[in-house]
N, C-alpha and C. Protein backbone atom coordinates (compact mmCIF):
# COMPACT_ATOMS: atom_id res chain seq x y z
N MET A 1 0.20 7.01 -12.34
CA MET A 1 -0.87 7.80 -11.79
C MET A 1 -1.98 7.10 -10.12
N LEU A 2 -2.44 7.96 -9.31
CA LEU A 2 -3.02 8.06 -8.34
C LEU A 2 -4.23 8.96 -8.27
N GLN A 3 -4.88 8.58 -8.65
CA GLN A 3 -6.41 9.68 -8.06
C GLN A 3 -7.49 9.32 -7.71
N ILE A 4 -8.37 9.35 -7.20
CA ILE A 4 -9.98 9.41 -6.34
C ILE A 4 -10.58 9.39 -7.39
N LYS A 5 -12.04 8.33 -6.87
CA LYS A 5 -13.62 9.35 -7.94
C LYS A 5 -14.54 8.39 -6.81
N ARG A 6 -15.86 8.97 -7.04
CA ARG A 6 -16.90 8.11 -6.68
C ARG A 6 -16.84 7.03 -6.82
N VAL A 7 -17.60 6.07 -6.60
CA VAL A 7 -17.72 4.67 -6.99
C VAL A 7 -18.97 4.65 -7.46
N TYR A 8 -19.50 5.37 -7.71
CA TYR A 8 -20.98 6.20 -8.96
C TYR A 8 -20.86 6.45 -10.14
N GLU A 9 -19.41 7.32 -10.10
CA GLU A 9 -19.59 7.65 -11.22
C GLU A 9 -19.08 6.31 -12.31
N LYS A 10 -19.31 6.27 -13.42
CA LYS A 10 -18.53 5.38 -14.72
C LYS A 10 -17.34 5.34 -14.51
N SER A 11 -16.64 4.16 -14.42
CA SER A 11 -15.67 3.55 -14.74
C SER A 11 -15.23 3.42 -16.08
N GLU A 12 -14.00 4.04 -15.87
CA GLU A 12 -13.72 4.89 -17.70
C GLU A 12 -12.00 3.48 -17.55
N ALA A 13 -11.21 4.02 -18.74
CA ALA A 13 -10.00 2.26 -18.68
C ALA A 13 -9.04 3.57 -18.30
N ASN A 14 -9.02 4.92 -18.20
CA ASN A 14 -7.61 5.41 -17.47
C ASN A 14 -7.70 5.35 -15.91
N ASP A 15 -8.93 4.67 -15.18
CA ASP A 15 -8.78 4.41 -14.24
C ASP A 15 -8.16 3.46 -13.64
N GLY A 16 -7.47 2.47 -14.90
CA GLY A 16 -6.51 1.47 -14.21
C GLY A 16 -7.14 0.61 -13.40
N PHE A 17 -6.36 0.13 -11.81
CA PHE A 17 -6.97 -0.53 -10.98
C PHE A 17 -7.49 0.51 -9.98
N ARG A 18 -9.16 -0.16 -9.32
CA ARG A 18 -10.60 0.58 -8.47
C ARG A 18 -9.89 -0.43 -7.72
N ILE A 19 -10.00 0.55 -6.66
CA ILE A 19 -9.71 0.32 -4.98
C ILE A 19 -10.51 0.69 -4.67
N LEU A 20 -11.79 -0.31 -3.87
CA LEU A 20 -12.75 0.81 -3.20
C LEU A 20 -12.38 1.02 -1.01
N VAL A 21 -12.33 2.18 -1.19
CA VAL A 21 -11.39 2.20 0.34
C VAL A 21 -12.55 2.39 1.60
N ASP A 22 -14.32 1.96 1.35
CA ASP A 22 -14.45 2.11 2.28
C ASP A 22 -14.69 0.92 3.37
N ARG A 23 -15.70 1.08 4.45
CA ARG A 23 -15.47 -0.30 5.03
C ARG A 23 -16.81 -0.14 4.52
N LEU A 24 -17.71 0.25 4.49
CA LEU A 24 -19.36 -0.36 4.01
C LEU A 24 -19.53 0.00 2.56
N TRP A 25 -20.18 -1.44 2.07
CA TRP A 25 -20.77 -1.93 1.10
C TRP A 25 -22.00 -0.12 0.38
N PRO A 26 -20.72 0.50 -1.24
CA PRO A 26 -21.78 1.41 -1.56
C PRO A 26 -23.56 1.01 -1.73
N ARG A 27 -24.04 1.72 -1.09
CA ARG A 27 -25.99 1.75 -1.18
C ARG A 27 -26.18 1.47 -2.41
N GLY A 28 -27.21 0.64 -2.51
CA GLY A 28 -27.89 0.48 -4.16
C GLY A 28 -26.51 0.23 -4.95
N LEU A 29 -25.21 -0.09 -5.28
CA LEU A 29 -24.82 -0.70 -6.09
C LEU A 29 -24.48 -2.22 -5.82
N LYS A 30 -24.71 -2.21 -7.19
CA LYS A 30 -23.84 -4.40 -6.98
C LYS A 30 -22.62 -4.68 -7.83
N LYS A 31 -21.67 -5.59 -7.15
CA LYS A 31 -20.49 -6.06 -7.60
C LYS A 31 -19.92 -5.43 -8.92
N GLU A 32 -20.83 -5.98 -9.72
CA GLU A 32 -20.54 -5.59 -10.87
C GLU A 32 -20.83 -4.43 -11.78
N GLU A 33 -21.54 -3.45 -11.19
CA GLU A 33 -21.76 -2.02 -10.98
C GLU A 33 -19.85 -1.21 -11.19
N ALA A 34 -19.76 -2.37 -9.73
CA ALA A 34 -18.79 -1.03 -9.06
C ALA A 34 -17.46 -1.04 -9.91
N LYS A 35 -17.13 -2.24 -10.96
CA LYS A 35 -15.88 -2.14 -11.34
C LYS A 35 -14.73 -1.91 -10.23
N VAL A 36 -15.41 -2.80 -9.34
CA VAL A 36 -13.86 -2.69 -8.27
C VAL A 36 -13.06 -3.83 -8.52
N ASP A 37 -11.49 -4.07 -8.54
CA ASP A 37 -10.67 -4.65 -8.42
C ASP A 37 -10.70 -5.37 -6.87
N LEU A 38 -10.14 -4.57 -6.25
CA LEU A 38 -10.18 -5.32 -4.64
C LEU A 38 -11.07 -4.07 -4.00
N TRP A 39 -11.08 -4.62 -2.83
CA TRP A 39 -12.54 -3.97 -1.56
C TRP A 39 -11.36 -4.27 -0.63
N LEU A 40 -10.78 -3.09 -0.29
CA LEU A 40 -10.46 -3.21 0.71
C LEU A 40 -10.42 -2.28 2.03
N LYS A 41 -11.52 -2.90 2.57
CA LYS A 41 -12.12 -2.11 4.28
C LYS A 41 -11.65 -1.95 5.06
N ASP A 42 -10.11 -2.37 4.70
CA ASP A 42 -9.87 -2.36 6.67
C ASP A 42 -8.76 -0.44 6.61
N ILE A 43 -8.68 -0.74 5.16
CA ILE A 43 -7.77 0.78 4.82
C ILE A 43 -8.73 1.96 5.56
N ALA A 44 -9.93 2.01 5.69
CA ALA A 44 -10.91 2.65 5.57
C ALA A 44 -10.57 3.19 7.41
N PRO A 45 -11.00 4.24 7.33
CA PRO A 45 -10.95 5.26 9.38
C PRO A 45 -12.14 3.77 9.78
N SER A 46 -11.81 3.51 11.08
CA SER A 46 -12.14 2.69 12.50
C SER A 46 -14.14 3.27 12.49
N SER A 47 -14.55 2.01 12.40
CA SER A 47 -15.48 2.29 12.74
C SER A 47 -15.50 3.46 14.00
N ASP A 48 -15.31 4.17 14.84
CA ASP A 48 -14.61 4.82 15.84
C ASP A 48 -14.73 6.04 15.15
N LEU A 49 -13.97 6.25 14.53
CA LEU A 49 -13.74 7.52 13.71
C LEU A 49 -14.76 7.69 12.64
N ARG A 50 -14.81 7.01 11.71
CA ARG A 50 -15.93 7.77 10.65
C ARG A 50 -17.43 7.83 11.67
N LYS A 51 -17.80 6.79 13.15
CA LYS A 51 -18.75 7.89 12.89
C LYS A 51 -18.88 9.25 13.83
N TRP A 52 -17.46 9.50 14.51
CA TRP A 52 -17.11 10.43 15.06
C TRP A 52 -17.19 11.96 14.12
N PHE A 53 -16.74 11.44 12.77
CA PHE A 53 -17.00 12.50 11.87
C PHE A 53 -18.10 12.70 11.47
N GLY A 54 -18.63 12.13 10.86
CA GLY A 54 -20.29 11.88 10.68
C GLY A 54 -20.32 12.60 8.89
N HIS A 55 -19.41 13.07 8.33
CA HIS A 55 -19.27 14.32 7.81
C HIS A 55 -19.59 15.69 8.01
N ASN A 56 -19.03 16.27 9.19
CA ASN A 56 -19.70 17.20 9.64
C ASN A 56 -18.14 17.86 9.73
N THR A 57 -18.42 18.90 8.37
CA THR A 57 -17.06 19.51 8.25
C THR A 57 -16.65 20.47 8.29
N GLU A 58 -16.95 20.95 9.72
CA GLU A 58 -16.88 21.01 10.80
C GLU A 58 -14.75 20.24 11.90
N LYS A 59 -15.39 19.19 11.54
CA LYS A 59 -14.85 18.54 12.15
C LYS A 59 -13.37 17.51 11.41
N TRP A 60 -13.37 18.46 9.90
CA TRP A 60 -11.68 17.70 9.15
C TRP A 60 -10.84 17.88 9.09
N PRO A 61 -10.85 18.83 9.74
CA PRO A 61 -9.31 19.41 10.05
C PRO A 61 -9.09 18.70 11.35
N GLU A 62 -9.41 17.70 12.37
CA GLU A 62 -9.70 16.69 13.76
C GLU A 62 -9.63 15.64 12.72
N PHE A 63 -9.87 15.19 11.77
CA PHE A 63 -10.23 14.07 11.14
C PHE A 63 -9.17 13.21 10.96
N GLN A 64 -8.59 14.07 9.50
CA GLN A 64 -7.24 14.45 8.64
C GLN A 64 -6.07 13.76 9.41
N LYS A 65 -6.28 14.45 10.74
CA LYS A 65 -5.11 13.93 12.00
C LYS A 65 -5.01 13.08 12.26
N LYS A 66 -6.37 11.97 12.34
CA LYS A 66 -6.79 11.08 13.46
C LYS A 66 -6.64 10.31 12.27
N TYR A 67 -7.42 9.97 10.86
CA TYR A 67 -6.87 9.06 10.01
C TYR A 67 -5.29 9.08 9.61
N GLU A 68 -5.41 9.71 9.23
CA GLU A 68 -3.56 9.43 8.94
C GLU A 68 -2.69 9.02 10.34
N LYS A 69 -3.08 9.75 11.77
CA LYS A 69 -2.46 8.36 12.11
C LYS A 69 -2.38 6.76 12.49
N GLU A 70 -3.77 6.69 12.07
CA GLU A 70 -4.19 5.65 12.05
C GLU A 70 -3.13 4.63 11.08
N LEU A 71 -3.89 5.40 9.37
CA LEU A 71 -3.01 5.02 8.85
C LEU A 71 -1.47 4.18 8.64
N GLY A 72 -1.40 5.55 9.98
CA GLY A 72 0.53 4.88 10.17
C GLY A 72 0.91 3.11 10.26
N VAL A 73 -0.49 3.38 11.64
CA VAL A 73 -0.10 1.45 12.12
C VAL A 73 -0.86 0.49 11.39
N ASN A 74 -1.69 0.79 10.41
CA ASN A 74 -2.85 -0.17 9.72
C ASN A 74 -2.08 -0.77 8.72
N PRO A 75 -1.72 -1.89 9.04
CA PRO A 75 -1.18 -3.54 8.21
C PRO A 75 -2.08 -3.35 6.80
N SER A 76 -2.91 -2.47 6.70
CA SER A 76 -3.56 -2.79 5.03
C SER A 76 -2.63 -1.43 4.55
N THR A 77 -2.23 -0.48 4.81
CA THR A 77 -1.71 0.32 4.02
C THR A 77 -0.38 -0.21 3.99
N LYS A 78 0.09 -0.75 3.74
CA LYS A 78 1.16 -1.21 3.50
C LYS A 78 0.55 -2.78 1.86
N GLU A 79 -0.55 -3.15 2.53
CA GLU A 79 -1.03 -3.64 1.08
C GLU A 79 -1.37 -3.02 0.26
N LEU A 80 -1.38 -1.77 0.29
CA LEU A 80 -1.98 0.03 -0.67
C LEU A 80 -0.66 0.36 -1.47
N LEU A 81 0.15 -0.24 -0.43
CA LEU A 81 1.21 0.24 -1.24
C LEU A 81 2.22 -1.15 -2.22
N ASN A 82 1.48 -1.55 -1.89
CA ASN A 82 2.01 -3.24 -2.70
C ASN A 82 1.33 -3.21 -4.05
N GLN A 83 0.67 -2.78 -3.70
CA GLN A 83 -0.60 -2.58 -4.52
C GLN A 83 0.04 -1.63 -6.54
N ALA A 84 0.02 -0.50 -5.47
CA ALA A 84 0.58 0.56 -6.11
C ALA A 84 1.89 0.56 -6.35
N ALA A 85 2.48 -0.84 -6.56
CA ALA A 85 3.93 -0.20 -7.11
C ALA A 85 3.76 -1.94 -8.12
N HIS A 86 2.45 -2.13 -8.06
CA HIS A 86 1.89 -3.40 -9.61
C HIS A 86 1.36 -2.25 -10.68
N HIS A 87 1.54 -1.29 -10.35
CA HIS A 87 -0.01 -1.15 -11.18
C HIS A 87 -0.13 0.43 -11.37
N LYS A 88 0.45 1.11 -12.79
CA LYS A 88 0.34 2.41 -13.22
C LYS A 88 -0.08 2.78 -12.52
N ASN A 89 -1.52 2.59 -13.41
CA ASN A 89 -2.48 3.52 -12.84
C ASN A 89 -3.58 3.32 -11.41
N ILE A 90 -4.05 3.91 -10.60
CA ILE A 90 -5.20 2.90 -9.22
C ILE A 90 -5.79 4.54 -8.87
N THR A 91 -6.99 3.83 -8.53
CA THR A 91 -8.07 5.24 -8.64
C THR A 91 -8.74 4.42 -7.52
N LEU A 92 -8.81 4.88 -6.57
CA LEU A 92 -9.52 4.88 -5.55
C LEU A 92 -10.62 5.73 -5.01
N VAL A 93 -11.32 4.37 -4.86
CA VAL A 93 -12.74 4.99 -5.42
C VAL A 93 -13.99 4.52 -3.40
N TYR A 94 -15.10 5.63 -3.37
CA TYR A 94 -15.19 6.06 -2.44
C TYR A 94 -16.50 5.71 -2.62
N ALA A 95 -17.42 6.25 -1.80
CA ALA A 95 -18.85 6.33 -2.11
C ALA A 95 -19.63 7.23 -0.97
N ALA A 96 -19.09 8.28 -0.54
CA ALA A 96 -19.29 10.14 0.12
C ALA A 96 -19.60 10.44 -1.07
N LYS A 97 -21.10 11.31 -0.37
CA LYS A 97 -21.60 12.47 -1.68
C LYS A 97 -19.92 13.10 -1.50
N ASP A 98 -19.41 14.35 -0.19
CA ASP A 98 -18.69 15.09 -0.37
C ASP A 98 -17.62 14.92 -1.35
N GLU A 99 -17.66 15.48 -2.28
CA GLU A 99 -16.12 15.45 -2.62
C GLU A 99 -14.62 15.98 -2.35
N GLU A 100 -14.99 16.49 -1.26
CA GLU A 100 -13.20 17.46 -0.82
C GLU A 100 -13.26 16.41 0.46
N HIS A 101 -14.11 16.14 1.48
CA HIS A 101 -13.56 15.71 2.65
C HIS A 101 -14.32 14.60 2.97
N ASN A 102 -14.14 13.09 2.86
CA ASN A 102 -14.38 11.90 3.36
C ASN A 102 -12.75 11.33 2.58
N ASN A 103 -12.88 10.00 3.26
CA ASN A 103 -11.21 9.22 3.17
C ASN A 103 -10.22 9.31 2.46
N ALA A 104 -10.86 9.25 0.91
CA ALA A 104 -9.97 9.08 -0.41
C ALA A 104 -8.88 10.48 -0.47
N VAL A 105 -9.47 11.58 0.07
CA VAL A 105 -9.22 12.77 -0.33
C VAL A 105 -7.85 12.19 0.81
N VAL A 106 -8.66 11.93 2.51
CA VAL A 106 -6.73 11.82 3.19
C VAL A 106 -6.09 10.98 3.07
N LEU A 107 -6.66 9.59 2.01
CA LEU A 107 -5.37 8.33 1.39
C LEU A 107 -4.53 8.91 0.71
N LYS A 108 -5.05 9.73 -0.51
CA LYS A 108 -4.21 9.82 -1.77
C LYS A 108 -3.14 11.14 -0.57
N LYS A 109 -3.22 11.67 -0.21
CA LYS A 109 -2.49 12.90 0.44
C LYS A 109 -1.42 11.74 1.25
N PHE A 110 -1.71 10.54 1.89
CA PHE A 110 -0.52 10.31 3.13
C PHE A 110 0.07 9.05 1.68
N LEU A 111 -0.51 8.58 0.54
CA LEU A 111 0.28 7.96 0.15
C LEU A 111 0.67 9.06 -0.87
N GLU A 112 0.85 9.62 -1.46
CA GLU A 112 1.60 11.33 -2.03
C GLU A 112 2.50 11.28 -1.08
N LYS A 113 2.51 10.81 -0.18
CA LYS A 113 4.02 11.75 1.21
C LYS A 113 4.64 11.08 0.80
């Protein structure tokens, strides 16, 4: 099972293997509080793409296309697929406040294809 969750939410047993998919560590959160098994920061959108998007929902459709293109050539995508093959439950955790327009949403859809 593959799911997404804000890193600030309480971790649960059914989260399984928790992977932080943000380039930057979440503000105000200590590593032991995050309950992150793997921080795969290189799977996150490039700094240029992240800054261009700036959580502007008007740019969301174009952001999704650009990020999927990055994922297609990103070596970290293979590492994430390897983790998925070794764990029954994986939760992609992210820090963004917007639960519908963030890189974890795009990443989950990409992996499910």
